[in-house]
Amino acid sequence: LYHTEKADMVIVPGSEGELPADLQPIPLERTRDTGLLHTDGAISMGRSSADSAIEQFFICIGDQPGLDYGAMRNPDGQGFAAFGYVTSGMDVVRAIQQSPHDGQRLTPPVVIKRVSRK
């Protein structure tokens, strides 16, 4: 995980790290189609263009409507793909976001050891 804070959004992004060379990008699941919005605790995929998400994800801290379909956080207006929500532990997410950092790198790095579905 690493740290980022901008005037219009606060997120805790994360990355899997080293990935298989043959891993393919996933199709963009627009919030317009899924109904999953970038509200507090939303988990979403990072991307540079539509259908380009591979490894980076982020957790929203606070509502971030600028990341939804139709908003212009991305110039293409397609938004990002929210795919789930933190159901418990947002205090941990907020603590991670406040951790010491050097630029966008947390110091020391934070490692996710377990994620579960409910």
PDB file of N, CA and C in Angstrom:
ATOM      1  N   LEU A   1       0.846  -1.184   0.000  1.00  0.00           N
ATOM      2  CA  LEU A   1       0.000   0.000   0.000  1.00  0.00           C
ATOM      3  C   LEU A   1       0.880   1.230   0.000  1.00  0.00           C
ATOM      4  N   TYR A   2       0.380   2.314  -0.538  1.00  0.00           N
ATOM      5  CA  TYR A   2       1.088   3.570  -0.460  1.00  0.00           C
ATOM      6  C   TYR A   2       0.110   4.698  -0.222  1.00  0.00           C
ATOM      7  N   HIS A   3       0.603   5.882   0.005  1.00  0.00           N
ATOM      8  CA  HIS A   3      -0.172   7.017   0.473  1.00  0.00           C
ATOM      9  C   HIS A   3      -0.439   8.004  -0.655  1.00  0.00           C
ATOM     10  N   THR A   4      -1.631   8.544  -0.721  1.00  0.00           N
ATOM     11  CA  THR A   4      -1.909   9.678  -1.594  1.00  0.00           C
ATOM     12  C   THR A   4      -2.993  10.529  -0.957  1.00  0.00           C
ATOM     13  N   GLU A   5      -2.876  11.804  -1.147  1.00  0.00           N
ATOM     14  CA  GLU A   5      -3.888  12.738  -0.642  1.00  0.00           C
ATOM     15  C   GLU A   5      -3.956  13.899  -1.602  1.00  0.00           C
ATOM     16  N   LYS A   6      -5.134  14.160  -2.169  1.00  0.00           N
ATOM     17  CA  LYS A   6      -5.348  15.266  -3.086  1.00  0.00           C
ATOM     18  C   LYS A   6      -6.511  16.077  -2.554  1.00  0.00           C
ATOM     19  N   ALA A   7      -6.637  17.298  -3.013  1.00  0.00           N
ATOM     20  CA  ALA A   7      -7.688  18.182  -2.519  1.00  0.00           C
ATOM     21  C   ALA A   7      -9.077  17.612  -2.752  1.00  0.00           C
ATOM     22  N   ASP A   8      -9.293  16.915  -3.873  1.00  0.00           N
ATOM     23  CA  ASP A   8     -10.628  16.432  -4.194  1.00  0.00           C
ATOM     24  C   ASP A   8     -10.870  14.981  -3.822  1.00  0.00           C
ATOM     25  N   MET A   9      -9.853  14.296  -3.305  1.00  0.00           N
ATOM     26  CA  MET A   9     -10.054  12.903  -2.905  1.00  0.00           C
ATOM     27  C   MET A   9      -8.935  12.464  -1.981  1.00  0.00           C
ATOM     28  N   VAL A  10      -9.272  11.529  -1.116  1.00  0.00           N
ATOM     29  CA  VAL A  10      -8.286  10.909  -0.241  1.00  0.00           C
ATOM     30  C   VAL A  10      -8.483   9.412  -0.380  1.00  0.00           C
ATOM     31  N   ILE A  11      -7.423   8.713  -0.797  1.00  0.00           N
ATOM     32  CA  ILE A  11      -7.525   7.280  -1.017  1.00  0.00           C
ATOM     33  C   ILE A  11      -6.315   6.567  -0.436  1.00  0.00           C
ATOM     34  N   VAL A  12      -6.478   5.305  -0.165  1.00  0.00           N
ATOM     35  CA  VAL A  12      -5.356   4.446   0.219  1.00  0.00           C
ATOM     36  C   VAL A  12      -5.187   3.447  -0.912  1.00  0.00           C
ATOM     37  N   PRO A  13      -4.226   3.660  -1.820  1.00  0.00           N
ATOM     38  CA  PRO A  13      -4.048   2.721  -2.915  1.00  0.00           C
ATOM     39  C   PRO A  13      -3.184   1.544  -2.529  1.00  0.00           C
ATOM     40  N   GLY A  14      -3.307   0.476  -3.252  1.00  0.00           N
ATOM     41  CA  GLY A  14      -2.489  -0.701  -2.998  1.00  0.00           C
ATOM     42  C   GLY A  14      -2.137  -1.395  -4.280  1.00  0.00           C
ATOM     43  N   SER A  15      -1.177  -2.257  -4.223  1.00  0.00           N
ATOM     44  CA  SER A  15      -0.728  -2.984  -5.400  1.00  0.00           C
ATOM     45  C   SER A  15      -0.295  -4.374  -4.983  1.00  0.00           C
ATOM     46  N   GLU A  16      -0.525  -5.327  -5.822  1.00  0.00           N
ATOM     47  CA  GLU A  16      -0.153  -6.711  -5.550  1.00  0.00           C
ATOM     48  C   GLU A  16       1.357  -6.896  -5.570  1.00  0.00           C
ATOM     49  N   GLY A  17       2.080  -6.054  -6.294  1.00  0.00           N
ATOM     50  CA  GLY A  17       3.525  -6.214  -6.415  1.00  0.00           C
ATOM     51  C   GLY A  17       3.877  -6.952  -7.687  1.00  0.00           C
ATOM     52  N   GLU A  18       4.785  -7.915  -7.603  1.00  0.00           N
ATOM     53  CA  GLU A  18       5.223  -8.654  -8.785  1.00  0.00           C
ATOM     54  C   GLU A  18       4.111  -9.580  -9.265  1.00  0.00           C
ATOM     55  N   LEU A  19       3.764  -9.466 -10.551  1.00  0.00           N
ATOM     56  CA  LEU A  19       2.664 -10.232 -11.125  1.00  0.00           C
ATOM     57  C   LEU A  19       3.152 -11.075 -12.290  1.00  0.00           C
ATOM     58  N   PRO A  20       2.422 -12.128 -12.635  1.00  0.00           N
ATOM     59  CA  PRO A  20       2.793 -12.932 -13.803  1.00  0.00           C
ATOM     60  C   PRO A  20       2.813 -12.071 -15.066  1.00  0.00           C
ATOM     61  N   ALA A  21       3.767 -12.326 -15.955  1.00  0.00           N
ATOM     62  CA  ALA A  21       3.918 -11.542 -17.181  1.00  0.00           C
ATOM     63  C   ALA A  21       2.710 -11.666 -18.110  1.00  0.00           C
ATOM     64  N   ASP A  22       1.963 -12.769 -18.030  1.00  0.00           N
ATOM     65  CA  ASP A  22       0.844 -12.986 -18.942  1.00  0.00           C
ATOM     66  C   ASP A  22      -0.501 -12.512 -18.379  1.00  0.00           C
ATOM     67  N   LEU A  23      -0.488 -11.809 -17.250  1.00  0.00           N
ATOM     68  CA  LEU A  23      -1.729 -11.310 -16.658  1.00  0.00           C
ATOM     69  C   LEU A  23      -2.326 -10.236 -17.564  1.00  0.00           C
ATOM     70  N   GLN A  24      -3.585 -10.399 -17.917  1.00  0.00           N
ATOM     71  CA  GLN A  24      -4.259  -9.493 -18.850  1.00  0.00           C
ATOM     72  C   GLN A  24      -5.120  -8.473 -18.106  1.00  0.00           C
ATOM     73  N   PRO A  25      -5.253  -7.256 -18.661  1.00  0.00           N
ATOM     74  CA  PRO A  25      -6.138  -6.247 -18.050  1.00  0.00           C
ATOM     75  C   PRO A  25      -7.576  -6.745 -18.014  1.00  0.00           C
ATOM     76  N   ILE A  26      -8.332  -6.219 -17.048  1.00  0.00           N
ATOM     77  CA  ILE A  26      -9.742  -6.607 -16.942  1.00  0.00           C
ATOM     78  C   ILE A  26     -10.620  -5.510 -17.546  1.00  0.00           C
ATOM     79  N   PRO A  27     -11.791  -5.870 -18.066  1.00  0.00           N
ATOM     80  CA  PRO A  27     -12.708  -4.867 -18.608  1.00  0.00           C
ATOM     81  C   PRO A  27     -13.183  -3.920 -17.507  1.00  0.00           C
ATOM     82  N   LEU A  28     -13.368  -2.671 -17.861  1.00  0.00           N
ATOM     83  CA  LEU A  28     -13.846  -1.668 -16.914  1.00  0.00           C
ATOM     84  C   LEU A  28     -15.319  -1.916 -16.598  1.00  0.00           C
ATOM     85  N   GLU A  29     -15.632  -2.112 -15.325  1.00  0.00           N
ATOM     86  CA  GLU A  29     -17.009  -2.269 -14.875  1.00  0.00           C
ATOM     87  C   GLU A  29     -17.466  -0.914 -14.351  1.00  0.00           C
ATOM     88  N   ARG A  30     -18.143  -0.155 -15.188  1.00  0.00           N
ATOM     89  CA  ARG A  30     -18.541   1.218 -14.885  1.00  0.00           C
ATOM     90  C   ARG A  30     -19.588   1.270 -13.772  1.00  0.00           C
ATOM     91  N   THR A  31     -19.487   2.286 -12.930  1.00  0.00           N
ATOM     92  CA  THR A  31     -20.464   2.444 -11.848  1.00  0.00           C
ATOM     93  C   THR A  31     -21.867   2.636 -12.406  1.00  0.00           C
ATOM     94  N   ARG A  32     -21.964   3.158 -13.597  1.00  0.00           N
ATOM     95  CA  ARG A  32     -23.264   3.310 -14.266  1.00  0.00           C
ATOM     96  C   ARG A  32     -23.950   1.952 -14.404  1.00  0.00           C
ATOM     97  N   ASP A  33     -23.155   0.920 -14.634  1.00  0.00           N
ATOM     98  CA  ASP A  33     -23.703  -0.417 -14.872  1.00  0.00           C
ATOM     99  C   ASP A  33     -23.839  -1.246 -13.595  1.00  0.00           C
ATOM    100  N   THR A  34     -22.907  -1.080 -12.669  1.00  0.00           N
ATOM    101  CA  THR A  34     -22.914  -1.909 -11.455  1.00  0.00           C
ATOM    102  C   THR A  34     -23.726  -1.311 -10.322  1.00  0.00           C
ATOM    103  N   GLY A  35     -23.856   0.013 -10.300  1.00  0.00           N
ATOM    104  CA  GLY A  35     -24.539   0.678  -9.194  1.00  0.00           C
ATOM    105  C   GLY A  35     -23.677   0.813  -7.949  1.00  0.00           C
ATOM    106  N   LEU A  36     -22.441   0.303  -7.989  1.00  0.00           N
ATOM    107  CA  LEU A  36     -21.524   0.427  -6.855  1.00  0.00           C
ATOM    108  C   LEU A  36     -20.802   1.769  -6.965  1.00  0.00           C
ATOM    109  N   LEU A  37     -21.027   2.656  -6.020  1.00  0.00           N
ATOM    110  CA  LEU A  37     -20.469   4.001  -6.089  1.00  0.00           C
ATOM    111  C   LEU A  37     -19.246   4.134  -5.191  1.00  0.00           C
ATOM    112  N   HIS A  38     -18.478   5.160  -5.447  1.00  0.00           N
ATOM    113  CA  HIS A  38     -17.257   5.428  -4.685  1.00  0.00           C
ATOM    114  C   HIS A  38     -17.603   6.218  -3.412  1.00  0.00           C
ATOM    115  N   THR A  39     -18.207   5.503  -2.480  1.00  0.00           N
ATOM    116  CA  THR A  39     -18.533   6.073  -1.175  1.00  0.00           C
ATOM    117  C   THR A  39     -17.474   5.620  -0.174  1.00  0.00           C
ATOM    118  N   ASP A  40     -17.564   6.114   1.048  1.00  0.00           N
ATOM    119  CA  ASP A  40     -16.592   5.771   2.085  1.00  0.00           C
ATOM    120  C   ASP A  40     -16.448   4.256   2.200  1.00  0.00           C
ATOM    121  N   GLY A  41     -15.224   3.759   2.054  1.00  0.00           N
ATOM    122  CA  GLY A  41     -14.960   2.327   2.160  1.00  0.00           C
ATOM    123  C   GLY A  41     -15.040   1.563   0.863  1.00  0.00           C
ATOM    124  N   ALA A  42     -15.365   2.225  -0.257  1.00  0.00           N
ATOM    125  CA  ALA A  42     -15.422   1.526  -1.542  1.00  0.00           C
ATOM    126  C   ALA A  42     -14.029   1.046  -1.934  1.00  0.00           C
ATOM    127  N   ILE A  43     -13.969  -0.163  -2.488  1.00  0.00           N
ATOM    128  CA  ILE A  43     -12.728  -0.727  -3.010  1.00  0.00           C
ATOM    129  C   ILE A  43     -12.860  -0.693  -4.525  1.00  0.00           C
ATOM    130  N   SER A  44     -11.855  -0.159  -5.201  1.00  0.00           N
ATOM    131  CA  SER A  44     -11.952   0.065  -6.631  1.00  0.00           C
ATOM    132  C   SER A  44     -10.619  -0.209  -7.312  1.00  0.00           C
ATOM    133  N   MET A  45     -10.680  -0.427  -8.611  1.00  0.00           N
ATOM    134  CA  MET A  45      -9.478  -0.683  -9.402  1.00  0.00           C
ATOM    135  C   MET A  45      -8.916   0.616  -9.963  1.00  0.00           C
ATOM    136  N   GLY A  46      -7.583   0.747  -9.897  1.00  0.00           N
ATOM    137  CA  GLY A  46      -6.909   1.852 -10.555  1.00  0.00           C
ATOM    138  C   GLY A  46      -6.776   1.546 -12.036  1.00  0.00           C
ATOM    139  N   ARG A  47      -6.701   2.571 -12.857  1.00  0.00           N
ATOM    140  CA  ARG A  47      -6.554   2.371 -14.294  1.00  0.00           C
ATOM    141  C   ARG A  47      -5.969   3.618 -14.934  1.00  0.00           C
ATOM    142  N   SER A  48      -5.392   3.443 -16.118  1.00  0.00           N
ATOM    143  CA  SER A  48      -4.911   4.587 -16.876  1.00  0.00           C
ATOM    144  C   SER A  48      -5.852   4.884 -18.041  1.00  0.00           C
ATOM    145  N   SER A  49      -6.501   3.871 -18.571  1.00  0.00           N
ATOM    146  CA  SER A  49      -7.495   4.027 -19.628  1.00  0.00           C
ATOM    147  C   SER A  49      -8.536   2.921 -19.437  1.00  0.00           C
ATOM    148  N   ALA A  50      -9.640   3.021 -20.159  1.00  0.00           N
ATOM    149  CA  ALA A  50     -10.671   1.984 -20.045  1.00  0.00           C
ATOM    150  C   ALA A  50     -10.063   0.618 -20.349  1.00  0.00           C
ATOM    151  N   ASP A  51     -10.476  -0.386 -19.618  1.00  0.00           N
ATOM    152  CA  ASP A  51     -10.027  -1.767 -19.823  1.00  0.00           C
ATOM    153  C   ASP A  51      -8.522  -1.947 -19.624  1.00  0.00           C
ATOM    154  N   SER A  52      -7.941  -1.195 -18.693  1.00  0.00           N
ATOM    155  CA  SER A  52      -6.490  -1.303 -18.469  1.00  0.00           C
ATOM    156  C   SER A  52      -6.113  -1.735 -17.053  1.00  0.00           C
ATOM    157  N   ALA A  53      -7.095  -1.951 -16.180  1.00  0.00           N
ATOM    158  CA  ALA A  53      -6.799  -2.304 -14.789  1.00  0.00           C
ATOM    159  C   ALA A  53      -6.168  -3.686 -14.700  1.00  0.00           C
ATOM    160  N   ILE A  54      -5.078  -3.784 -13.972  1.00  0.00           N
ATOM    161  CA  ILE A  54      -4.414  -5.075 -13.789  1.00  0.00           C
ATOM    162  C   ILE A  54      -4.162  -5.348 -12.317  1.00  0.00           C
ATOM    163  N   GLU A  55      -3.488  -4.444 -11.620  1.00  0.00           N
ATOM    164  CA  GLU A  55      -3.014  -4.768 -10.287  1.00  0.00           C
ATOM    165  C   GLU A  55      -3.323  -3.743  -9.213  1.00  0.00           C
ATOM    166  N   GLN A  56      -3.506  -2.501  -9.551  1.00  0.00           N
ATOM    167  CA  GLN A  56      -3.652  -1.487  -8.515  1.00  0.00           C
ATOM    168  C   GLN A  56      -5.101  -1.311  -8.106  1.00  0.00           C
ATOM    169  N   PHE A  57      -5.301  -1.241  -6.810  1.00  0.00           N
ATOM    170  CA  PHE A  57      -6.628  -0.989  -6.274  1.00  0.00           C
ATOM    171  C   PHE A  57      -6.512   0.106  -5.232  1.00  0.00           C
ATOM    172  N   PHE A  58      -7.641   0.675  -4.862  1.00  0.00           N
ATOM    173  CA  PHE A  58      -7.636   1.682  -3.812  1.00  0.00           C
ATOM    174  C   PHE A  58      -8.908   1.577  -2.989  1.00  0.00           C
ATOM    175  N   ILE A  59      -8.823   2.116  -1.781  1.00  0.00           N
ATOM    176  CA  ILE A  59      -9.961   2.161  -0.863  1.00  0.00           C
ATOM    177  C   ILE A  59     -10.278   3.627  -0.629  1.00  0.00           C
ATOM    178  N   CYS A  60     -11.516   4.007  -0.871  1.00  0.00           N
ATOM    179  CA  CYS A  60     -11.918   5.399  -0.690  1.00  0.00           C
ATOM    180  C   CYS A  60     -12.086   5.727   0.793  1.00  0.00           C
ATOM    181  N   ILE A  61     -11.588   6.866   1.183  1.00  0.00           N
ATOM    182  CA  ILE A  61     -11.836   7.421   2.504  1.00  0.00           C
ATOM    183  C   ILE A  61     -12.724   8.634   2.277  1.00  0.00           C
ATOM    184  N   GLY A  62     -13.962   8.524   2.706  1.00  0.00           N
ATOM    185  CA  GLY A  62     -14.945   9.562   2.408  1.00  0.00           C
ATOM    186  C   GLY A  62     -15.566   9.292   1.042  1.00  0.00           C
ATOM    187  N   ASP A  63     -16.699   9.935   0.780  1.00  0.00           N
ATOM    188  CA  ASP A  63     -17.372   9.768  -0.504  1.00  0.00           C
ATOM    189  C   ASP A  63     -16.560  10.468  -1.585  1.00  0.00           C
ATOM    190  N   GLN A  64     -16.390   9.802  -2.718  1.00  0.00           N
ATOM    191  CA  GLN A  64     -15.586  10.314  -3.829  1.00  0.00           C
ATOM    192  C   GLN A  64     -16.381  10.234  -5.138  1.00  0.00           C
ATOM    193  N   PRO A  65     -17.448  11.028  -5.287  1.00  0.00           N
ATOM    194  CA  PRO A  65     -18.273  10.941  -6.497  1.00  0.00           C
ATOM    195  C   PRO A  65     -17.504  11.292  -7.774  1.00  0.00           C
ATOM    196  N   GLY A  66     -16.397  11.980  -7.669  1.00  0.00           N
ATOM    197  CA  GLY A  66     -15.590  12.310  -8.835  1.00  0.00           C
ATOM    198  C   GLY A  66     -14.954  11.096  -9.490  1.00  0.00           C
ATOM    199  N   LEU A  67     -15.034   9.937  -8.829  1.00  0.00           N
ATOM    200  CA  LEU A  67     -14.475   8.707  -9.380  1.00  0.00           C
ATOM    201  C   LEU A  67     -15.529   7.855 -10.082  1.00  0.00           C
ATOM    202  N   ASP A  68     -16.794   8.272 -10.003  1.00  0.00           N
ATOM    203  CA  ASP A  68     -17.887   7.514 -10.606  1.00  0.00           C
ATOM    204  C   ASP A  68     -18.031   7.844 -12.098  1.00  0.00           C
ATOM    205  N   TYR A  69     -18.784   7.009 -12.804  1.00  0.00           N
ATOM    206  CA  TYR A  69     -19.051   7.224 -14.218  1.00  0.00           C
ATOM    207  C   TYR A  69     -19.670   8.609 -14.427  1.00  0.00           C
ATOM    208  N   GLY A  70     -19.214   9.301 -15.456  1.00  0.00           N
ATOM    209  CA  GLY A  70     -19.756  10.615 -15.789  1.00  0.00           C
ATOM    210  C   GLY A  70     -19.020  11.770 -15.146  1.00  0.00           C
ATOM    211  N   ALA A  71     -18.266  11.501 -14.099  1.00  0.00           N
ATOM    212  CA  ALA A  71     -17.472  12.553 -13.459  1.00  0.00           C
ATOM    213  C   ALA A  71     -16.169  12.708 -14.239  1.00  0.00           C
ATOM    214  N   MET A  72     -15.501  13.796 -14.043  1.00  0.00           N
ATOM    215  CA  MET A  72     -14.337  14.079 -14.871  1.00  0.00           C
ATOM    216  C   MET A  72     -13.003  13.933 -14.142  1.00  0.00           C
ATOM    217  N   ARG A  73     -12.938  13.096 -13.106  1.00  0.00           N
ATOM    218  CA  ARG A  73     -11.644  12.810 -12.457  1.00  0.00           C
ATOM    219  C   ARG A  73     -10.697  12.191 -13.476  1.00  0.00           C
ATOM    220  N   ASN A  74     -11.246  11.367 -14.378  1.00  0.00           N
ATOM    221  CA  ASN A  74     -10.523  10.851 -15.535  1.00  0.00           C
ATOM    222  C   ASN A  74     -11.080  11.592 -16.746  1.00  0.00           C
ATOM    223  N   PRO A  75     -10.240  12.081 -17.635  1.00  0.00           N
ATOM    224  CA  PRO A  75     -10.733  12.868 -18.773  1.00  0.00           C
ATOM    225  C   PRO A  75     -11.751  12.146 -19.655  1.00  0.00           C
ATOM    226  N   ASP A  76     -11.745  10.806 -19.661  1.00  0.00           N
ATOM    227  CA  ASP A  76     -12.698  10.085 -20.506  1.00  0.00           C
ATOM    228  C   ASP A  76     -14.090   9.974 -19.884  1.00  0.00           C
ATOM    229  N   GLY A  77     -14.256  10.395 -18.621  1.00  0.00           N
ATOM    230  CA  GLY A  77     -15.564  10.371 -17.968  1.00  0.00           C
ATOM    231  C   GLY A  77     -16.093   8.982 -17.651  1.00  0.00           C
ATOM    232  N   GLN A  78     -15.276   7.941 -17.825  1.00  0.00           N
ATOM    233  CA  GLN A  78     -15.733   6.574 -17.610  1.00  0.00           C
ATOM    234  C   GLN A  78     -15.666   6.138 -16.152  1.00  0.00           C
ATOM    235  N   GLY A  79     -14.984   6.910 -15.334  1.00  0.00           N
ATOM    236  CA  GLY A  79     -14.879   6.581 -13.919  1.00  0.00           C
ATOM    237  C   GLY A  79     -13.985   5.377 -13.667  1.00  0.00           C
ATOM    238  N   PHE A  80     -14.049   4.897 -12.436  1.00  0.00           N
ATOM    239  CA  PHE A  80     -13.268   3.745 -12.010  1.00  0.00           C
ATOM    240  C   PHE A  80     -14.229   2.632 -11.618  1.00  0.00           C
ATOM    241  N   ALA A  81     -13.725   1.417 -11.474  1.00  0.00           N
ATOM    242  CA  ALA A  81     -14.566   0.251 -11.215  1.00  0.00           C
ATOM    243  C   ALA A  81     -14.603  -0.097  -9.733  1.00  0.00           C
ATOM    244  N   ALA A  82     -15.601   0.434  -9.021  1.00  0.00           N
ATOM    245  CA  ALA A  82     -15.812   0.021  -7.634  1.00  0.00           C
ATOM    246  C   ALA A  82     -16.291  -1.431  -7.667  1.00  0.00           C
ATOM    247  N   PHE A  83     -15.679  -2.282  -6.842  1.00  0.00           N
ATOM    248  CA  PHE A  83     -16.078  -3.700  -6.881  1.00  0.00           C
ATOM    249  C   PHE A  83     -16.401  -4.270  -5.511  1.00  0.00           C
ATOM    250  N   GLY A  84     -16.335  -3.464  -4.469  1.00  0.00           N
ATOM    251  CA  GLY A  84     -16.663  -3.959  -3.141  1.00  0.00           C
ATOM    252  C   GLY A  84     -16.551  -2.848  -2.127  1.00  0.00           C
ATOM    253  N   TYR A  85     -16.788  -3.202  -0.874  1.00  0.00           N
ATOM    254  CA  TYR A  85     -16.732  -2.227   0.218  1.00  0.00           C
ATOM    255  C   TYR A  85     -16.066  -2.849   1.436  1.00  0.00           C
ATOM    256  N   VAL A  86     -15.342  -2.049   2.167  1.00  0.00           N
ATOM    257  CA  VAL A  86     -14.793  -2.479   3.446  1.00  0.00           C
ATOM    258  C   VAL A  86     -15.982  -2.576   4.401  1.00  0.00           C
ATOM    259  N   THR A  87     -16.202  -3.759   4.984  1.00  0.00           N
ATOM    260  CA  THR A  87     -17.348  -3.955   5.872  1.00  0.00           C
ATOM    261  C   THR A  87     -16.979  -3.805   7.344  1.00  0.00           C
ATOM    262  N   SER A  88     -15.707  -3.916   7.650  1.00  0.00           N
ATOM    263  CA  SER A  88     -15.211  -3.628   9.000  1.00  0.00           C
ATOM    264  C   SER A  88     -13.731  -3.309   8.869  1.00  0.00           C
ATOM    265  N   GLY A  89     -13.248  -2.469   9.753  1.00  0.00           N
ATOM    266  CA  GLY A  89     -11.832  -2.131   9.743  1.00  0.00           C
ATOM    267  C   GLY A  89     -11.481  -0.816   9.080  1.00  0.00           C
ATOM    268  N   MET A  90     -12.470   0.067   8.852  1.00  0.00           N
ATOM    269  CA  MET A  90     -12.131   1.361   8.262  1.00  0.00           C
ATOM    270  C   MET A  90     -11.197   2.158   9.166  1.00  0.00           C
ATOM    271  N   ASP A  91     -11.218   1.876  10.477  1.00  0.00           N
ATOM    272  CA  ASP A  91     -10.260   2.537  11.366  1.00  0.00           C
ATOM    273  C   ASP A  91      -8.834   2.163  10.970  1.00  0.00           C
ATOM    274  N   VAL A  92      -8.637   0.931  10.538  1.00  0.00           N
ATOM    275  CA  VAL A  92      -7.315   0.483  10.086  1.00  0.00           C
ATOM    276  C   VAL A  92      -6.946   1.186   8.782  1.00  0.00           C
ATOM    277  N   VAL A  93      -7.902   1.292   7.854  1.00  0.00           N
ATOM    278  CA  VAL A  93      -7.653   1.986   6.586  1.00  0.00           C
ATOM    279  C   VAL A  93      -7.241   3.429   6.859  1.00  0.00           C
ATOM    280  N   ARG A  94      -7.965   4.099   7.749  1.00  0.00           N
ATOM    281  CA  ARG A  94      -7.633   5.495   8.075  1.00  0.00           C
ATOM    282  C   ARG A  94      -6.261   5.599   8.751  1.00  0.00           C
ATOM    283  N   ALA A  95      -5.924   4.632   9.584  1.00  0.00           N
ATOM    284  CA  ALA A  95      -4.607   4.630  10.229  1.00  0.00           C
ATOM    285  C   ALA A  95      -3.505   4.431   9.187  1.00  0.00           C
ATOM    286  N   ILE A  96      -3.733   3.564   8.216  1.00  0.00           N
ATOM    287  CA  ILE A  96      -2.751   3.357   7.145  1.00  0.00           C
ATOM    288  C   ILE A  96      -2.551   4.659   6.372  1.00  0.00           C
ATOM    289  N   GLN A  97      -3.646   5.348   6.069  1.00  0.00           N
ATOM    290  CA  GLN A  97      -3.556   6.591   5.300  1.00  0.00           C
ATOM    291  C   GLN A  97      -2.751   7.648   6.064  1.00  0.00           C
ATOM    292  N   GLN A  98      -2.773   7.585   7.379  1.00  0.00           N
ATOM    293  CA  GLN A  98      -2.046   8.551   8.202  1.00  0.00           C
ATOM    294  C   GLN A  98      -0.630   8.087   8.561  1.00  0.00           C
ATOM    295  N   SER A  99      -0.227   6.917   8.081  1.00  0.00           N
ATOM    296  CA  SER A  99       1.092   6.370   8.402  1.00  0.00           C
ATOM    297  C   SER A  99       2.204   7.249   7.843  1.00  0.00           C
ATOM    298  N   PRO A 100       3.391   7.150   8.434  1.00  0.00           N
ATOM    299  CA  PRO A 100       4.534   7.900   7.887  1.00  0.00           C
ATOM    300  C   PRO A 100       4.771   7.510   6.431  1.00  0.00           C
ATOM    301  N   HIS A 101       5.157   8.499   5.621  1.00  0.00           N
ATOM    302  CA  HIS A 101       5.380   8.238   4.202  1.00  0.00           C
ATOM    303  C   HIS A 101       6.459   9.156   3.646  1.00  0.00           C
ATOM    304  N   ASP A 102       7.074   8.678   2.598  1.00  0.00           N
ATOM    305  CA  ASP A 102       8.054   9.444   1.839  1.00  0.00           C
ATOM    306  C   ASP A 102       7.468   9.578   0.447  1.00  0.00           C
ATOM    307  N   GLY A 103       6.880  10.722   0.151  1.00  0.00           N
ATOM    308  CA  GLY A 103       6.117  10.852  -1.092  1.00  0.00           C
ATOM    309  C   GLY A 103       4.907   9.957  -1.004  1.00  0.00           C
ATOM    310  N   GLN A 104       4.753   9.038  -1.947  1.00  0.00           N
ATOM    311  CA  GLN A 104       3.629   8.103  -1.932  1.00  0.00           C
ATOM    312  C   GLN A 104       3.997   6.752  -1.335  1.00  0.00           C
ATOM    313  N   ARG A 105       5.205   6.560  -0.920  1.00  0.00           N
ATOM    314  CA  ARG A 105       5.641   5.281  -0.333  1.00  0.00           C
ATOM    315  C   ARG A 105       5.502   5.329   1.182  1.00  0.00           C
ATOM    316  N   LEU A 106       4.749   4.366   1.736  1.00  0.00           N
ATOM    317  CA  LEU A 106       4.647   4.257   3.185  1.00  0.00           C
ATOM    318  C   LEU A 106       5.977   3.766   3.734  1.00  0.00           C
ATOM    319  N   THR A 107       6.377   4.340   4.859  1.00  0.00           N
ATOM    320  CA  THR A 107       7.641   3.936   5.495  1.00  0.00           C
ATOM    321  C   THR A 107       7.379   3.620   6.961  1.00  0.00           C
ATOM    322  N   PRO A 108       7.398   2.360   7.339  1.00  0.00           N
ATOM    323  CA  PRO A 108       7.694   1.183   6.519  1.00  0.00           C
ATOM    324  C   PRO A 108       6.483   0.785   5.681  1.00  0.00           C
ATOM    325  N   PRO A 109       6.698  -0.058   4.650  1.00  0.00           N
ATOM    326  CA  PRO A 109       5.579  -0.515   3.826  1.00  0.00           C
ATOM    327  C   PRO A 109       4.551  -1.285   4.659  1.00  0.00           C
ATOM    328  N   VAL A 110       3.306  -1.249   4.238  1.00  0.00           N
ATOM    329  CA  VAL A 110       2.230  -2.006   4.875  1.00  0.00           C
ATOM    330  C   VAL A 110       1.906  -3.188   3.968  1.00  0.00           C
ATOM    331  N   VAL A 111       1.838  -4.370   4.542  1.00  0.00           N
ATOM    332  CA  VAL A 111       1.545  -5.579   3.780  1.00  0.00           C
ATOM    333  C   VAL A 111       0.165  -6.092   4.183  1.00  0.00           C
ATOM    334  N   ILE A 112      -0.660  -6.387   3.195  1.00  0.00           N
ATOM    335  CA  ILE A 112      -1.975  -6.992   3.457  1.00  0.00           C
ATOM    336  C   ILE A 112      -1.762  -8.491   3.555  1.00  0.00           C
ATOM    337  N   LYS A 113      -2.086  -9.046   4.685  1.00  0.00           N
ATOM    338  CA  LYS A 113      -1.867 -10.492   4.897  1.00  0.00           C
ATOM    339  C   LYS A 113      -3.115 -11.314   4.613  1.00  0.00           C
ATOM    340  N   ARG A 114      -4.298 -10.691   4.723  1.00  0.00           N
ATOM    341  CA  ARG A 114      -5.515 -11.478   4.532  1.00  0.00           C
ATOM    342  C   ARG A 114      -6.669 -10.573   4.132  1.00  0.00           C
ATOM    343  N   VAL A 115      -7.463 -11.046   3.206  1.00  0.00           N
ATOM    344  CA  VAL A 115      -8.696 -10.393   2.777  1.00  0.00           C
ATOM    345  C   VAL A 115      -9.751 -11.479   2.723  1.00  0.00           C
ATOM    346  N   SER A 116     -10.969 -11.183   3.161  1.00  0.00           N
ATOM    347  CA  SER A 116     -12.013 -12.194   3.102  1.00  0.00           C
ATOM    348  C   SER A 116     -13.299 -11.599   2.525  1.00  0.00           C
ATOM    349  N   ARG A 117     -14.138 -12.471   2.010  1.00  0.00           N
ATOM    350  CA  ARG A 117     -15.440 -12.078   1.467  1.00  0.00           C
ATOM    351  C   ARG A 117     -16.515 -12.416   2.480  1.00  0.00           C
ATOM    352  N   LYS A 118     -17.525 -11.590   2.527  1.00  0.00           N
ATOM    353  CA  LYS A 118     -18.676 -11.877   3.386  1.00  0.00           C
ATOM    354  C   LYS A 118     -19.886 -12.079   2.541  1.00  0.00           C
TER     355      LYS A 118
END
